[in-house]
N, C-alpha and C. Protein backbone atom coordinates (compact mmCIF):
# COMPACT_ATOMS: atom_id res chain seq x y z
N UNK A 1 -29.86 -21.01 3.64
CA UNK A 1 -29.23 -19.91 4.20
C UNK A 1 -27.81 -20.48 4.75
N UNK A 2 -27.01 -19.74 4.71
CA UNK A 2 -25.23 -19.71 4.88
C UNK A 2 -25.34 -19.35 6.63
N UNK A 3 -25.09 -20.01 7.02
CA UNK A 3 -24.35 -19.86 8.77
C UNK A 3 -22.86 -19.09 8.40
N UNK A 4 -23.15 -18.52 9.64
CA UNK A 4 -21.35 -17.17 9.48
C UNK A 4 -20.37 -17.93 9.89
N UNK A 5 -20.44 -19.06 10.34
CA UNK A 5 -19.74 -19.98 10.40
C UNK A 5 -18.86 -20.24 9.12
N UNK A 6 -19.93 -21.19 8.25
CA UNK A 6 -19.79 -21.26 6.80
C UNK A 6 -19.04 -19.69 6.46
N UNK A 7 -19.49 -18.82 6.25
CA UNK A 7 -19.10 -17.69 5.28
C UNK A 7 -17.65 -17.10 6.28
N UNK A 8 -17.70 -17.40 7.16
CA UNK A 8 -16.23 -17.25 7.94
C UNK A 8 -14.86 -18.03 7.46
N UNK A 9 -15.62 -19.20 7.47
CA UNK A 9 -14.72 -20.33 7.10
C UNK A 9 -13.94 -19.99 5.36
N UNK A 10 -15.01 -19.88 4.83
CA UNK A 10 -14.94 -19.52 3.12
C UNK A 10 -13.69 -18.42 3.35
N UNK A 11 -14.09 -17.27 3.66
CA UNK A 11 -13.21 -16.38 3.81
C UNK A 11 -12.09 -16.30 4.46
N UNK A 12 -11.76 -17.27 5.33
CA UNK A 12 -10.34 -17.87 5.74
C UNK A 12 -9.92 -18.58 4.54
N UNK A 13 -10.31 -19.39 3.80
CA UNK A 13 -9.27 -20.50 2.87
C UNK A 13 -9.42 -18.78 1.52
N UNK A 14 -10.63 -18.15 1.55
CA UNK A 14 -10.03 -17.45 0.47
C UNK A 14 -8.82 -16.12 0.79
N UNK A 15 -8.55 -15.88 2.11
CA UNK A 15 -7.24 -15.23 2.31
C UNK A 15 -6.29 -16.47 2.13
N UNK A 16 -6.42 -17.58 2.52
CA UNK A 16 -5.18 -18.41 2.48
C UNK A 16 -4.59 -18.22 0.69
N UNK A 17 -5.56 -18.54 0.10
CA UNK A 17 -5.37 -18.35 -1.43
C UNK A 17 -4.58 -17.04 -1.92
N UNK A 18 -5.24 -15.90 -1.22
CA UNK A 18 -4.89 -14.95 -1.66
C UNK A 18 -3.10 -14.74 -0.99
N UNK A 19 -3.06 -15.36 0.31
CA UNK A 19 -1.65 -15.32 0.73
C UNK A 19 -0.70 -16.01 -0.06
N UNK A 20 -1.23 -17.01 -0.79
CA UNK A 20 -0.23 -18.06 -1.75
C UNK A 20 -0.12 -17.84 -2.38
N UNK A 21 -0.89 -16.49 -3.13
CA UNK A 21 -0.39 -16.18 -4.98
C UNK A 21 0.86 -15.23 -5.12
N UNK A 22 1.32 -15.58 -6.01
CA UNK A 22 2.51 -14.76 -5.96
C UNK A 22 2.20 -13.71 -6.09
N UNK A 23 1.36 -12.71 -6.84
CA UNK A 23 1.30 -11.23 -6.26
C UNK A 23 2.03 -10.70 -4.54
N UNK A 24 1.10 -11.42 -3.81
CA UNK A 24 1.04 -11.30 -2.57
C UNK A 24 2.29 -11.68 -2.19
N UNK A 25 3.11 -12.21 -2.56
CA UNK A 25 4.58 -13.33 -2.30
C UNK A 25 5.58 -12.16 -2.46
N UNK A 26 5.22 -11.72 -3.86
CA UNK A 26 5.75 -10.60 -4.59
C UNK A 26 6.10 -9.20 -3.95
N UNK A 27 4.79 -9.22 -3.04
CA UNK A 27 4.79 -7.75 -2.38
C UNK A 27 5.47 -8.09 -1.14
N UNK A 28 5.13 -8.88 -0.33
CA UNK A 28 5.49 -9.17 0.74
C UNK A 28 7.31 -9.22 1.05
N UNK A 29 7.47 -9.64 -0.10
CA UNK A 29 9.55 -9.63 -0.47
C UNK A 29 9.67 -7.99 -0.44
N UNK A 30 9.17 -8.02 -1.41
CA UNK A 30 9.23 -6.41 -1.68
C UNK A 30 9.24 -5.51 -0.49
N UNK A 31 8.33 -5.47 0.30
CA UNK A 31 8.37 -4.77 1.43
C UNK A 31 9.01 -5.55 2.52
N UNK A 32 10.06 -6.49 2.45
CA UNK A 32 10.74 -7.21 3.17
C UNK A 32 11.94 -6.27 2.77
N UNK A 33 12.38 -6.28 1.74
CA UNK A 33 13.21 -5.92 1.16
C UNK A 33 13.76 -4.14 1.56
N UNK A 34 12.57 -3.55 1.62
CA UNK A 34 12.37 -2.02 2.07
C UNK A 34 12.49 -2.13 3.58
N UNK A 35 12.27 -3.08 4.15
CA UNK A 35 12.08 -2.59 5.70
C UNK A 35 13.86 -3.04 5.96
N UNK A 36 14.44 -4.24 5.38
CA UNK A 36 16.06 -4.14 5.82
C UNK A 36 16.55 -3.34 5.17
N UNK A 37 16.65 -2.51 4.19
CA UNK A 37 17.36 -1.48 3.73
C UNK A 37 17.38 -0.14 4.05
N UNK A 38 17.96 -0.16 4.78
CA UNK A 38 18.71 1.42 5.43
C UNK A 38 18.51 2.85 5.08
N UNK A 39 19.11 2.50 3.97
CA UNK A 39 19.01 4.00 3.26
C UNK A 39 17.18 3.95 2.59
N UNK A 40 16.53 3.16 2.38
CA UNK A 40 15.10 2.97 2.28
C UNK A 40 14.32 3.67 3.74
N UNK A 41 14.88 3.04 4.64
CA UNK A 41 14.00 3.67 5.91
C UNK A 41 14.15 4.67 6.23
N UNK A 42 15.85 5.52 5.91
CA UNK A 42 16.01 6.62 6.04
C UNK A 42 15.43 7.83 5.00
N UNK A 43 15.14 7.05 3.77
CA UNK A 43 14.55 8.22 2.89
C UNK A 43 12.81 8.50 3.24
N UNK A 44 12.60 7.02 3.91
CA UNK A 44 10.82 7.17 4.41
C UNK A 44 10.66 8.17 5.32
N UNK A 45 11.50 7.87 6.15
CA UNK A 45 11.68 8.54 7.67
C UNK A 45 11.85 10.28 7.44
N UNK A 46 12.59 10.62 6.42
CA UNK A 46 13.12 12.29 5.94
C UNK A 46 11.85 12.51 5.16
N UNK A 47 11.13 11.77 4.09
CA UNK A 47 9.56 12.21 3.40
C UNK A 47 8.66 12.20 4.84
N UNK A 48 8.48 11.35 5.51
CA UNK A 48 7.19 11.43 6.57
C UNK A 48 7.35 12.50 7.26
N UNK A 49 8.79 12.77 7.80
CA UNK A 49 8.60 13.78 8.28
C UNK A 49 8.71 15.36 8.11
N UNK A 50 9.05 15.17 6.48
CA UNK A 50 8.81 16.87 5.73
C UNK A 50 7.44 16.72 5.62
N UNK A 51 6.59 15.78 5.09
CA UNK A 51 4.97 15.92 5.19
C UNK A 51 4.31 15.99 6.20
N UNK A 52 5.39 15.72 7.33
CA UNK A 52 4.09 15.63 8.14
C UNK A 52 4.52 17.05 8.94
N UNK A 53 5.16 18.29 8.84
CA UNK A 53 5.88 19.19 8.98
C UNK A 53 4.69 20.31 8.03
N UNK A 54 5.00 20.05 6.98
CA UNK A 54 3.82 20.81 6.22
C UNK A 54 2.06 20.88 6.49
N UNK A 55 1.91 19.36 7.25
CA UNK A 55 0.74 19.44 7.81
C UNK A 55 0.88 19.85 8.55
N UNK A 56 1.50 20.09 9.45
CA UNK A 56 0.91 20.33 10.88
C UNK A 56 1.01 22.08 10.81
N UNK A 57 2.00 22.55 9.70
CA UNK A 57 1.64 23.86 9.53
C UNK A 57 0.83 24.26 8.69
N UNK A 58 0.01 23.36 8.17
CA UNK A 58 -1.70 23.85 7.51
C UNK A 58 -2.42 24.01 8.47
N UNK A 59 -2.09 22.63 9.85
CA UNK A 59 -3.26 22.90 10.45
C UNK A 59 -3.37 23.85 11.13
N UNK A 60 -2.50 24.38 11.68
CA UNK A 60 -1.99 25.88 12.48
C UNK A 60 -2.87 26.95 11.92
N UNK A 61 -2.59 26.65 10.46
CA UNK A 61 -2.85 27.98 9.57
C UNK A 61 -1.70 28.95 9.51
N UNK A 62 -0.48 28.56 9.65
CA UNK A 62 0.94 29.05 9.05
C UNK A 62 1.12 28.98 8.00
N UNK A 63 1.63 29.55 7.77
CA UNK A 63 2.48 29.73 6.23
C UNK A 63 3.51 28.62 6.03
N UNK A 64 3.55 28.04 5.19
CA UNK A 64 3.84 26.97 4.47
C UNK A 64 5.49 27.84 3.61
N UNK A 65 6.42 27.55 4.18
CA UNK A 65 7.91 28.08 3.55
C UNK A 65 8.25 27.38 2.51
N UNK A 66 9.29 28.36 1.34
CA UNK A 66 9.40 27.85 0.13
C UNK A 66 10.65 26.28 0.89
N UNK A 67 11.30 26.80 1.67
CA UNK A 67 11.83 26.05 2.03
C UNK A 67 11.33 24.80 2.34
N UNK A 68 10.26 24.43 3.07
CA UNK A 68 9.78 23.34 3.75
C UNK A 68 9.03 22.49 2.46
N UNK A 69 8.53 23.37 1.24
CA UNK A 69 8.23 22.59 -0.10
C UNK A 69 9.38 21.78 -0.71
N UNK A 70 10.56 22.71 -0.90
CA UNK A 70 11.41 22.39 -1.31
C UNK A 70 11.91 20.79 -0.65
N UNK A 71 11.89 21.21 0.97
CA UNK A 71 12.32 19.51 1.27
C UNK A 71 11.47 18.90 1.38
N UNK A 72 10.28 18.71 1.17
CA UNK A 72 8.99 17.65 0.75
C UNK A 72 9.27 17.14 -0.53
N UNK A 73 9.66 18.13 -1.66
CA UNK A 73 9.92 17.64 -2.95
C UNK A 73 11.14 16.90 -3.11
N UNK A 74 12.48 17.69 -2.65
CA UNK A 74 13.67 16.96 -2.84
C UNK A 74 13.52 15.35 -2.13
N UNK A 75 13.00 15.02 -0.68
CA UNK A 75 12.58 13.81 -0.27
C UNK A 75 11.83 13.12 -1.40
N UNK A 76 10.74 13.84 -1.58
CA UNK A 76 9.81 12.55 -2.40
C UNK A 76 10.76 12.05 -3.73
N UNK A 77 11.33 13.23 -4.76
CA UNK A 77 12.21 12.54 -5.66
C UNK A 77 12.95 11.57 -5.14
N UNK A 78 13.72 11.32 -3.91
CA UNK A 78 15.13 10.66 -3.66
C UNK A 78 14.40 9.12 -3.08
N UNK A 79 13.18 9.32 -2.74
CA UNK A 79 12.24 8.15 -2.11
C UNK A 79 11.99 7.43 -3.53
N UNK A 80 11.43 8.40 -4.71
CA UNK A 80 10.93 7.56 -5.77
C UNK A 80 11.97 6.80 -6.66
N UNK A 81 13.54 7.76 -5.98
CA UNK A 81 14.75 6.36 -7.01
C UNK A 81 14.97 6.15 -6.51
N UNK A 82 14.90 5.41 -5.65
CA UNK A 82 15.28 4.31 -4.75
C UNK A 82 14.62 2.88 -5.11
N UNK A 83 15.57 1.65 -5.49
CA UNK A 83 15.31 0.77 -6.26
C UNK A 83 14.21 -0.15 -5.68
N UNK A 84 15.04 -0.61 -4.11
CA UNK A 84 13.51 -1.17 -3.42
C UNK A 84 12.09 -0.57 -3.06
N UNK A 85 12.43 0.90 -3.00
CA UNK A 85 11.13 1.47 -2.81
C UNK A 85 10.37 1.34 -4.15
N UNK A 86 11.19 1.68 -5.21
CA UNK A 86 10.35 1.47 -6.97
C UNK A 86 10.09 0.08 -6.54
N UNK A 87 10.72 -1.11 -6.18
CA UNK A 87 9.98 -2.18 -6.70
C UNK A 87 8.87 -2.14 -5.69
N UNK A 88 9.01 -2.24 -3.78
CA UNK A 88 7.99 -2.24 -3.62
C UNK A 88 7.13 -1.63 -4.02
N UNK A 89 6.45 -0.55 -4.36
CA UNK A 89 5.48 0.28 -4.96
C UNK A 89 5.01 -0.61 -6.10
N UNK A 90 5.53 -0.97 -6.83
CA UNK A 90 5.23 -1.91 -8.33
C UNK A 90 4.59 -2.74 -8.21
N UNK A 91 5.27 -3.71 -6.72
CA UNK A 91 4.33 -4.75 -5.98
C UNK A 91 3.23 -4.35 -5.68
N UNK A 92 3.10 -3.48 -4.90
CA UNK A 92 2.00 -3.25 -4.44
C UNK A 92 0.39 -2.45 -5.34
N UNK A 93 1.14 -2.07 -5.99
CA UNK A 93 0.15 -1.76 -7.36
C UNK A 93 -0.61 -2.67 -7.66
N UNK A 94 0.55 -4.06 -8.07
CA UNK A 94 -0.23 -5.10 -8.92
C UNK A 94 -0.81 -6.23 -7.69
N UNK A 95 -0.32 -6.03 -6.27
CA UNK A 95 -1.08 -7.04 -5.16
C UNK A 95 -2.56 -6.03 -5.37
N UNK A 96 -2.26 -4.86 -5.37
CA UNK A 96 -3.69 -4.21 -5.19
C UNK A 96 -4.79 -4.09 -6.29
N UNK A 97 -4.02 -3.91 -7.25
CA UNK A 97 -5.18 -4.65 -8.70
C UNK A 97 -6.01 -5.90 -8.39
N UNK A 98 -4.74 -6.96 -7.75
CA UNK A 98 -5.64 -8.28 -7.35
C UNK A 98 -7.08 -8.12 -6.06
N UNK A 99 -6.55 -7.14 -5.37
CA UNK A 99 -7.57 -6.95 -4.64
C UNK A 99 -8.66 -6.51 -4.96
N UNK A 100 -8.23 -5.00 -6.11
CA UNK A 100 -9.49 -5.01 -6.23
C UNK A 100 -10.16 -5.58 -7.01
N UNK A 101 -9.95 -6.93 -8.19
CA UNK A 101 -10.55 -7.72 -8.73
C UNK A 101 -11.80 -9.00 -8.21
N UNK A 102 -10.57 -9.05 -6.61
CA UNK A 102 -11.23 -10.02 -5.63
C UNK A 102 -12.23 -9.02 -5.27
N UNK A 103 -12.36 -7.93 -4.46
CA UNK A 103 -13.70 -7.66 -3.90
C UNK A 103 -14.70 -7.31 -5.04
N UNK A 104 -14.32 -6.85 -6.11
CA UNK A 104 -15.72 -7.47 -7.14
C UNK A 104 -16.18 -8.10 -7.70
N UNK A 105 -15.13 -9.12 -7.43
CA UNK A 105 -15.95 -10.45 -7.80
C UNK A 105 -16.66 -10.64 -6.84
N UNK A 106 -16.55 -10.53 -5.41
CA UNK A 106 -17.25 -11.14 -4.48
C UNK A 106 -18.56 -10.09 -4.16
N UNK A 107 -18.64 -8.53 -4.51
CA UNK A 107 -20.03 -7.85 -4.78
C UNK A 107 -20.63 -8.09 -6.06
N UNK A 108 -20.02 -8.74 -6.68
CA UNK A 108 -20.81 -9.06 -8.25
C UNK A 108 -21.54 -10.41 -7.26
N UNK A 109 -20.97 -11.23 -6.86
CA UNK A 109 -21.67 -12.68 -6.45
C UNK A 109 -22.64 -12.32 -5.07
N UNK A 110 -22.34 -11.49 -4.26
CA UNK A 110 -23.47 -11.34 -3.48
C UNK A 110 -24.64 -9.97 -4.12
N UNK A 111 -24.47 -9.95 -4.90
CA UNK A 111 -25.83 -8.77 -5.37
C UNK A 111 -26.26 -9.72 -6.74
N UNK A 112 -25.65 -11.43 -6.91
CA UNK A 112 -26.36 -12.07 -7.45
C UNK A 112 -25.82 -11.94 -8.92
N UNK A 113 -25.29 -11.55 -9.45
CA UNK A 113 -24.31 -10.80 -10.66
C UNK A 113 -23.37 -11.23 -11.05
N UNK A 114 -23.15 -13.07 -10.46
CA UNK A 114 -21.81 -13.47 -10.58
C UNK A 114 -21.93 -13.41 -12.32
N UNK A 115 -20.27 -13.33 -12.80
CA UNK A 115 -20.18 -13.42 -14.03
C UNK A 115 -19.18 -15.03 -14.27
N UNK A 116 -19.22 -15.11 -15.19
CA UNK A 116 -18.66 -16.62 -15.36
C UNK A 116 -17.49 -16.17 -15.92
């Protein structure tokens, strides 16, 4: 039977391999580029504010004005059109696909269904 320390050691080793993988590095680089881009930060802030306003109105049972919806939609379009954000989202999708595969492999192994 494996000791918990052995399992945690293996998890740390797996974490290091994941961090060293190209998809992880590309996602981190894209995230840093967005973080350093003032326009991207401004667009994300505007989008977050618009979405939060709508969520607050919904939670309070208040009507959502067409202008609020339009502001949120415009903020979303601008966000989607920003090159650094677009690249980060692409790299995030690649990273998440990898992590989904890793989790699937872990679940298969834990269930004794390991595939070659």
